[in-house]
């Protein structure tokens, strides 16, 4: 996965990945984001194309890499 490609992900694509990392299904992600499951699938296909992820496992690895850990969240300044 190319760092430039990861940086090119839109906010919505990152949101879909975060939900995927939380273990949500496509249908659950769609409900949570008020989208159709087809749109979620489209976002994930675009992410795969941008990052050259080969399969869903690769997508999950990317999702985990982009999702802050509990420690990082605790250390983040709160506004």
PDB file of N, CA and C in Angstrom:
ATOM      1  N   UNK A   1       0.840  -1.171   0.000  1.00  0.00           N
ATOM      2  CA  UNK A   1       0.000   0.000   0.000  1.00  0.00           C
ATOM      3  C   UNK A   1       0.887   1.237   0.000  1.00  0.00           C
ATOM      4  N   UNK A   2       0.622   2.111  -0.916  1.00  0.00           N
ATOM      5  CA  UNK A   2       1.440   3.290  -1.099  1.00  0.00           C
ATOM      6  C   UNK A   2       0.959   4.405  -0.175  1.00  0.00           C
ATOM      7  N   UNK A   3       1.870   5.015   0.608  1.00  0.00           N
ATOM      8  CA  UNK A   3       1.461   6.092   1.525  1.00  0.00           C
ATOM      9  C   UNK A   3       0.727   7.237   0.829  1.00  0.00           C
ATOM     10  N   UNK A   4       1.139   7.590  -0.398  1.00  0.00           N
ATOM     11  CA  UNK A   4       0.468   8.660  -1.133  1.00  0.00           C
ATOM     12  C   UNK A   4      -0.980   8.275  -1.421  1.00  0.00           C
ATOM     13  N   UNK A   5      -1.204   7.008  -1.718  1.00  0.00           N
ATOM     14  CA  UNK A   5      -2.560   6.538  -2.001  1.00  0.00           C
ATOM     15  C   UNK A   5      -3.416   6.594  -0.747  1.00  0.00           C
ATOM     16  N   UNK A   6      -2.836   6.238   0.387  1.00  0.00           N
ATOM     17  CA  UNK A   6      -3.572   6.294   1.649  1.00  0.00           C
ATOM     18  C   UNK A   6      -3.932   7.738   1.959  1.00  0.00           C
ATOM     19  N   UNK A   7      -3.002   8.658   1.701  1.00  0.00           N
ATOM     20  CA  UNK A   7      -3.255  10.076   1.951  1.00  0.00           C
ATOM     21  C   UNK A   7      -4.345  10.613   1.027  1.00  0.00           C
ATOM     22  N   UNK A   8      -4.541   9.974  -0.119  1.00  0.00           N
ATOM     23  CA  UNK A   8      -5.526  10.462  -1.088  1.00  0.00           C
ATOM     24  C   UNK A   8      -6.955  10.017  -0.773  1.00  0.00           C
ATOM     25  N   UNK A   9      -7.131   9.202   0.262  1.00  0.00           N
ATOM     26  CA  UNK A   9      -8.477   8.760   0.605  1.00  0.00           C
ATOM     27  C   UNK A   9      -9.315   9.929   1.104  1.00  0.00           C
ATOM     28  N   UNK A  10     -10.579   9.955   0.683  1.00  0.00           N
ATOM     29  CA  UNK A  10     -11.488  11.009   1.136  1.00  0.00           C
ATOM     30  C   UNK A  10     -11.899  10.741   2.584  1.00  0.00           C
ATOM     31  N   UNK A  11     -12.489  11.757   3.198  1.00  0.00           N
ATOM     32  CA  UNK A  11     -12.974  11.591   4.565  1.00  0.00           C
ATOM     33  C   UNK A  11     -14.011  10.473   4.652  1.00  0.00           C
ATOM     34  N   UNK A  12     -14.897  10.390   3.663  1.00  0.00           N
ATOM     35  CA  UNK A  12     -15.926   9.348   3.665  1.00  0.00           C
ATOM     36  C   UNK A  12     -15.299   7.967   3.505  1.00  0.00           C
ATOM     37  N   UNK A  13     -14.276   7.859   2.668  1.00  0.00           N
ATOM     38  CA  UNK A  13     -13.596   6.579   2.508  1.00  0.00           C
ATOM     39  C   UNK A  13     -12.932   6.167   3.814  1.00  0.00           C
ATOM     40  N   UNK A  14     -12.317   7.109   4.495  1.00  0.00           N
ATOM     41  CA  UNK A  14     -11.704   6.817   5.796  1.00  0.00           C
ATOM     42  C   UNK A  14     -12.762   6.415   6.821  1.00  0.00           C
ATOM     43  N   UNK A  15     -13.930   7.058   6.756  1.00  0.00           N
ATOM     44  CA  UNK A  15     -15.020   6.717   7.673  1.00  0.00           C
ATOM     45  C   UNK A  15     -15.497   5.283   7.435  1.00  0.00           C
ATOM     46  N   UNK A  16     -15.642   4.912   6.162  1.00  0.00           N
ATOM     47  CA  UNK A  16     -16.037   3.538   5.827  1.00  0.00           C
ATOM     48  C   UNK A  16     -15.002   2.558   6.362  1.00  0.00           C
ATOM     49  N   UNK A  17     -13.723   2.864   6.186  1.00  0.00           N
ATOM     50  CA  UNK A  17     -12.666   1.984   6.691  1.00  0.00           C
ATOM     51  C   UNK A  17     -12.711   1.861   8.207  1.00  0.00           C
ATOM     52  N   UNK A  18     -12.983   2.956   8.887  1.00  0.00           N
ATOM     53  CA  UNK A  18     -13.054   2.915  10.352  1.00  0.00           C
ATOM     54  C   UNK A  18     -14.195   2.002  10.800  1.00  0.00           C
ATOM     55  N   UNK A  19     -15.333   2.081  10.130  1.00  0.00           N
ATOM     56  CA  UNK A  19     -16.454   1.202  10.470  1.00  0.00           C
ATOM     57  C   UNK A  19     -16.113  -0.258  10.167  1.00  0.00           C
ATOM     58  N   UNK A  20     -15.389  -0.479   9.080  1.00  0.00           N
ATOM     59  CA  UNK A  20     -14.957  -1.829   8.730  1.00  0.00           C
ATOM     60  C   UNK A  20     -14.036  -2.373   9.823  1.00  0.00           C
ATOM     61  N   UNK A  21     -13.139  -1.526  10.331  1.00  0.00           N
ATOM     62  CA  UNK A  21     -12.233  -1.942  11.406  1.00  0.00           C
ATOM     63  C   UNK A  21     -12.998  -2.257  12.685  1.00  0.00           C
ATOM     64  N   UNK A  22     -14.153  -1.618  12.865  1.00  0.00           N
ATOM     65  CA  UNK A  22     -14.997  -1.895  14.031  1.00  0.00           C
ATOM     66  C   UNK A  22     -15.775  -3.197  13.885  1.00  0.00           C
ATOM     67  N   UNK A  23     -15.652  -3.834  12.731  1.00  0.00           N
ATOM     68  CA  UNK A  23     -16.308  -5.120  12.526  1.00  0.00           C
ATOM     69  C   UNK A  23     -17.699  -5.044  11.940  1.00  0.00           C
ATOM     70  N   UNK A  24     -18.081  -3.868  11.443  1.00  0.00           N
ATOM     71  CA  UNK A  24     -19.418  -3.735  10.876  1.00  0.00           C
ATOM     72  C   UNK A  24     -19.498  -4.358   9.487  1.00  0.00           C
ATOM     73  N   UNK A  25     -20.666  -4.869   9.157  1.00  0.00           N
ATOM     74  CA  UNK A  25     -20.919  -5.403   7.820  1.00  0.00           C
ATOM     75  C   UNK A  25     -21.189  -4.246   6.865  1.00  0.00           C
ATOM     76  N   UNK A  26     -21.212  -4.538   5.572  1.00  0.00           N
ATOM     77  CA  UNK A  26     -21.526  -3.500   4.587  1.00  0.00           C
ATOM     78  C   UNK A  26     -22.890  -2.894   4.889  1.00  0.00           C
ATOM     79  N   UNK A  27     -23.872  -3.739   5.213  1.00  0.00           N
ATOM     80  CA  UNK A  27     -25.232  -3.255   5.499  1.00  0.00           C
ATOM     81  C   UNK A  27     -25.240  -2.371   6.745  1.00  0.00           C
ATOM     82  N   UNK A  28     -24.499  -2.763   7.770  1.00  0.00           N
ATOM     83  CA  UNK A  28     -24.429  -1.960   9.004  1.00  0.00           C
ATOM     84  C   UNK A  28     -23.742  -0.621   8.758  1.00  0.00           C
ATOM     85  N   UNK A  29     -22.684  -0.649   7.963  1.00  0.00           N
ATOM     86  CA  UNK A  29     -21.989   0.597   7.615  1.00  0.00           C
ATOM     87  C   UNK A  29     -22.955   1.510   6.862  1.00  0.00           C
ATOM     88  N   UNK A  30     -23.684   0.928   5.934  1.00  0.00           N
ATOM     89  CA  UNK A  30     -24.635   1.705   5.136  1.00  0.00           C
ATOM     90  C   UNK A  30     -25.686   2.363   6.028  1.00  0.00           C
ATOM     91  N   UNK A  31     -26.238   1.608   6.965  1.00  0.00           N
ATOM     92  CA  UNK A  31     -27.245   2.182   7.873  1.00  0.00           C
ATOM     93  C   UNK A  31     -26.642   3.297   8.717  1.00  0.00           C
ATOM     94  N   UNK A  32     -25.468   3.059   9.256  1.00  0.00           N
ATOM     95  CA  UNK A  32     -24.835   4.044  10.136  1.00  0.00           C
ATOM     96  C   UNK A  32     -24.509   5.340   9.381  1.00  0.00           C
ATOM     97  N   UNK A  33     -24.134   5.216   8.109  1.00  0.00           N
ATOM     98  CA  UNK A  33     -23.745   6.392   7.329  1.00  0.00           C
ATOM     99  C   UNK A  33     -24.884   6.927   6.465  1.00  0.00           C
ATOM    100  N   UNK A  34     -26.054   6.303   6.578  1.00  0.00           N
ATOM    101  CA  UNK A  34     -27.220   6.701   5.793  1.00  0.00           C
ATOM    102  C   UNK A  34     -26.936   6.607   4.287  1.00  0.00           C
ATOM    103  N   UNK A  35     -26.389   5.460   3.892  1.00  0.00           N
ATOM    104  CA  UNK A  35     -26.057   5.166   2.497  1.00  0.00           C
ATOM    105  C   UNK A  35     -26.699   3.845   2.110  1.00  0.00           C
ATOM    106  N   UNK A  36     -26.651   3.545   0.831  1.00  0.00           N
ATOM    107  CA  UNK A  36     -27.070   2.211   0.405  1.00  0.00           C
ATOM    108  C   UNK A  36     -25.873   1.273   0.509  1.00  0.00           C
ATOM    109  N   UNK A  37     -26.121  -0.023   0.693  1.00  0.00           N
ATOM    110  CA  UNK A  37     -24.996  -0.979   0.713  1.00  0.00           C
ATOM    111  C   UNK A  37     -24.179  -0.917  -0.578  1.00  0.00           C
ATOM    112  N   UNK A  38     -24.841  -0.618  -1.693  1.00  0.00           N
ATOM    113  CA  UNK A  38     -24.128  -0.506  -2.965  1.00  0.00           C
ATOM    114  C   UNK A  38     -23.105   0.633  -2.913  1.00  0.00           C
ATOM    115  N   UNK A  39     -23.463   1.745  -2.277  1.00  0.00           N
ATOM    116  CA  UNK A  39     -22.549   2.881  -2.148  1.00  0.00           C
ATOM    117  C   UNK A  39     -21.354   2.505  -1.274  1.00  0.00           C
ATOM    118  N   UNK A  40     -21.604   1.773  -0.206  1.00  0.00           N
ATOM    119  CA  UNK A  40     -20.510   1.302   0.654  1.00  0.00           C
ATOM    120  C   UNK A  40     -19.566   0.424  -0.162  1.00  0.00           C
ATOM    121  N   UNK A  41     -20.132  -0.471  -0.953  1.00  0.00           N
ATOM    122  CA  UNK A  41     -19.320  -1.334  -1.809  1.00  0.00           C
ATOM    123  C   UNK A  41     -18.504  -0.494  -2.791  1.00  0.00           C
ATOM    124  N   UNK A  42     -19.115   0.544  -3.340  1.00  0.00           N
ATOM    125  CA  UNK A  42     -18.398   1.433  -4.268  1.00  0.00           C
ATOM    126  C   UNK A  42     -17.237   2.118  -3.569  1.00  0.00           C
ATOM    127  N   UNK A  43     -17.465   2.634  -2.353  1.00  0.00           N
ATOM    128  CA  UNK A  43     -16.377   3.248  -1.591  1.00  0.00           C
ATOM    129  C   UNK A  43     -15.240   2.249  -1.382  1.00  0.00           C
ATOM    130  N   UNK A  44     -15.579   1.033  -0.996  1.00  0.00           N
ATOM    131  CA  UNK A  44     -14.538   0.036  -0.724  1.00  0.00           C
ATOM    132  C   UNK A  44     -13.795  -0.361  -1.997  1.00  0.00           C
ATOM    133  N   UNK A  45     -14.494  -0.421  -3.118  1.00  0.00           N
ATOM    134  CA  UNK A  45     -13.807  -0.710  -4.385  1.00  0.00           C
ATOM    135  C   UNK A  45     -12.855   0.426  -4.754  1.00  0.00           C
ATOM    136  N   UNK A  46     -13.271   1.668  -4.525  1.00  0.00           N
ATOM    137  CA  UNK A  46     -12.393   2.819  -4.800  1.00  0.00           C
ATOM    138  C   UNK A  46     -11.165   2.787  -3.895  1.00  0.00           C
ATOM    139  N   UNK A  47     -11.377   2.460  -2.628  1.00  0.00           N
ATOM    140  CA  UNK A  47     -10.257   2.366  -1.683  1.00  0.00           C
ATOM    141  C   UNK A  47      -9.280   1.295  -2.148  1.00  0.00           C
ATOM    142  N   UNK A  48      -9.822   0.146  -2.553  1.00  0.00           N
ATOM    143  CA  UNK A  48      -8.952  -0.934  -3.042  1.00  0.00           C
ATOM    144  C   UNK A  48      -8.161  -0.490  -4.254  1.00  0.00           C
ATOM    145  N   UNK A  49      -8.808   0.254  -5.157  1.00  0.00           N
ATOM    146  CA  UNK A  49      -8.115   0.718  -6.360  1.00  0.00           C
ATOM    147  C   UNK A  49      -7.011   1.724  -6.010  1.00  0.00           C
ATOM    148  N   UNK A  50      -7.315   2.651  -5.108  1.00  0.00           N
ATOM    149  CA  UNK A  50      -6.336   3.678  -4.735  1.00  0.00           C
ATOM    150  C   UNK A  50      -5.153   3.093  -3.974  1.00  0.00           C
ATOM    151  N   UNK A  51      -5.408   2.117  -3.132  1.00  0.00           N
ATOM    152  CA  UNK A  51      -4.359   1.576  -2.265  1.00  0.00           C
ATOM    153  C   UNK A  51      -3.727   0.302  -2.806  1.00  0.00           C
ATOM    154  N   UNK A  52      -4.286  -0.201  -3.877  1.00  0.00           N
ATOM    155  CA  UNK A  52      -3.830  -1.468  -4.466  1.00  0.00           C
ATOM    156  C   UNK A  52      -4.031  -2.648  -3.515  1.00  0.00           C
ATOM    157  N   UNK A  53      -5.007  -2.518  -2.610  1.00  0.00           N
ATOM    158  CA  UNK A  53      -5.337  -3.630  -1.711  1.00  0.00           C
ATOM    159  C   UNK A  53      -5.889  -4.773  -2.554  1.00  0.00           C
ATOM    160  N   UNK A  54      -5.420  -5.970  -2.291  1.00  0.00           N
ATOM    161  CA  UNK A  54      -5.774  -7.108  -3.132  1.00  0.00           C
ATOM    162  C   UNK A  54      -7.072  -7.799  -2.724  1.00  0.00           C
ATOM    163  N   UNK A  55      -7.450  -7.673  -1.454  1.00  0.00           N
ATOM    164  CA  UNK A  55      -8.635  -8.388  -0.986  1.00  0.00           C
ATOM    165  C   UNK A  55      -9.151  -7.740   0.302  1.00  0.00           C
ATOM    166  N   UNK A  56     -10.185  -8.332   0.895  1.00  0.00           N
ATOM    167  CA  UNK A  56     -10.784  -7.760   2.106  1.00  0.00           C
ATOM    168  C   UNK A  56      -9.830  -7.778   3.294  1.00  0.00           C
ATOM    169  N   UNK A  57      -9.013  -8.796   3.383  1.00  0.00           N
ATOM    170  CA  UNK A  57      -8.043  -8.854   4.482  1.00  0.00           C
ATOM    171  C   UNK A  57      -7.064  -7.691   4.370  1.00  0.00           C
ATOM    172  N   UNK A  58      -6.629  -7.417   3.170  1.00  0.00           N
ATOM    173  CA  UNK A  58      -5.735  -6.292   2.938  1.00  0.00           C
ATOM    174  C   UNK A  58      -6.424  -4.980   3.333  1.00  0.00           C
ATOM    175  N   UNK A  59      -7.714  -4.863   3.004  1.00  0.00           N
ATOM    176  CA  UNK A  59      -8.488  -3.684   3.400  1.00  0.00           C
ATOM    177  C   UNK A  59      -8.550  -3.547   4.918  1.00  0.00           C
ATOM    178  N   UNK A  60      -8.746  -4.668   5.595  1.00  0.00           N
ATOM    179  CA  UNK A  60      -8.808  -4.642   7.057  1.00  0.00           C
ATOM    180  C   UNK A  60      -7.482  -4.202   7.657  1.00  0.00           C
ATOM    181  N   UNK A  61      -6.378  -4.685   7.099  1.00  0.00           N
ATOM    182  CA  UNK A  61      -5.061  -4.257   7.585  1.00  0.00           C
ATOM    183  C   UNK A  61      -4.904  -2.747   7.427  1.00  0.00           C
ATOM    184  N   UNK A  62      -5.364  -2.230   6.301  1.00  0.00           N
ATOM    185  CA  UNK A  62      -5.324  -0.794   6.069  1.00  0.00           C
ATOM    186  C   UNK A  62      -6.209  -0.064   7.077  1.00  0.00           C
ATOM    187  N   UNK A  63      -7.400  -0.600   7.302  1.00  0.00           N
ATOM    188  CA  UNK A  63      -8.336   0.015   8.248  1.00  0.00           C
ATOM    189  C   UNK A  63      -7.729   0.081   9.643  1.00  0.00           C
ATOM    190  N   UNK A  64      -7.109  -0.994  10.079  1.00  0.00           N
ATOM    191  CA  UNK A  64      -6.483  -1.003  11.406  1.00  0.00           C
ATOM    192  C   UNK A  64      -5.319  -0.018  11.472  1.00  0.00           C
ATOM    193  N   UNK A  65      -4.578   0.104  10.385  1.00  0.00           N
ATOM    194  CA  UNK A  65      -3.445   1.027  10.360  1.00  0.00           C
ATOM    195  C   UNK A  65      -3.902   2.484  10.456  1.00  0.00           C
ATOM    196  N   UNK A  66      -5.082   2.785   9.929  1.00  0.00           N
ATOM    197  CA  UNK A  66      -5.581   4.160   9.928  1.00  0.00           C
ATOM    198  C   UNK A  66      -6.412   4.495  11.151  1.00  0.00           C
ATOM    199  N   UNK A  67      -6.788   3.493  11.922  1.00  0.00           N
ATOM    200  CA  UNK A  67      -7.636   3.715  13.090  1.00  0.00           C
ATOM    201  C   UNK A  67      -6.757   3.958  14.309  1.00  0.00           C
ATOM    202  N   UNK A  68      -6.958   5.103  14.992  1.00  0.00           N
ATOM    203  CA  UNK A  68      -6.132   5.377  16.175  1.00  0.00           C
ATOM    204  C   UNK A  68      -6.359   4.340  17.274  1.00  0.00           C
ATOM    205  N   UNK A  69      -5.305   4.018  17.977  1.00  0.00           N
ATOM    206  CA  UNK A  69      -5.423   3.090  19.101  1.00  0.00           C
ATOM    207  C   UNK A  69      -6.090   3.789  20.272  1.00  0.00           C
ATOM    208  N   UNK A  70      -6.489   3.039  21.261  1.00  0.00           N
ATOM    209  CA  UNK A  70      -7.090   3.614  22.460  1.00  0.00           C
ATOM    210  C   UNK A  70      -6.115   4.565  23.132  1.00  0.00           C
ATOM    211  N   UNK A  71      -4.842   4.215  23.151  1.00  0.00           N
ATOM    212  CA  UNK A  71      -3.819   5.071  23.756  1.00  0.00           C
ATOM    213  C   UNK A  71      -3.689   6.384  22.998  1.00  0.00           C
ATOM    214  N   UNK A  72      -3.724   6.314  21.666  1.00  0.00           N
ATOM    215  CA  UNK A  72      -3.624   7.529  20.854  1.00  0.00           C
ATOM    216  C   UNK A  72      -4.845   8.421  21.068  1.00  0.00           C
ATOM    217  N   UNK A  73      -6.015   7.803  21.182  1.00  0.00           N
ATOM    218  CA  UNK A  73      -7.227   8.573  21.419  1.00  0.00           C
ATOM    219  C   UNK A  73      -7.176   9.254  22.774  1.00  0.00           C
ATOM    220  N   UNK A  74      -6.654   8.564  23.787  1.00  0.00           N
ATOM    221  CA  UNK A  74      -6.575   9.128  25.141  1.00  0.00           C
ATOM    222  C   UNK A  74      -5.574  10.286  25.185  1.00  0.00           C
ATOM    223  N   UNK A  75      -4.522  10.205  24.385  1.00  0.00           N
ATOM    224  CA  UNK A  75      -3.487  11.230  24.397  1.00  0.00           C
ATOM    225  C   UNK A  75      -3.877  12.459  23.563  1.00  0.00           C
ATOM    226  N   UNK A  76      -4.870  12.308  22.692  1.00  0.00           N
ATOM    227  CA  UNK A  76      -5.276  13.416  21.826  1.00  0.00           C
ATOM    228  C   UNK A  76      -5.914  14.535  22.647  1.00  0.00           C
ATOM    229  N   UNK A  77      -5.569  15.788  22.317  1.00  0.00           N
ATOM    230  CA  UNK A  77      -6.190  16.908  23.047  1.00  0.00           C
ATOM    231  C   UNK A  77      -7.682  16.964  22.777  1.00  0.00           C
ATOM    232  N   UNK A  78      -8.432  17.272  23.794  1.00  0.00           N
ATOM    233  CA  UNK A  78      -9.879  17.367  23.658  1.00  0.00           C
ATOM    234  C   UNK A  78     -10.279  18.822  23.583  1.00  0.00           C
ATOM    235  N   UNK A  79     -11.250  19.094  22.728  1.00  0.00           N
ATOM    236  CA  UNK A  79     -11.687  20.485  22.603  1.00  0.00           C
ATOM    237  C   UNK A  79     -13.048  20.710  23.207  1.00  0.00           C
TER     238      UNK A  79
END
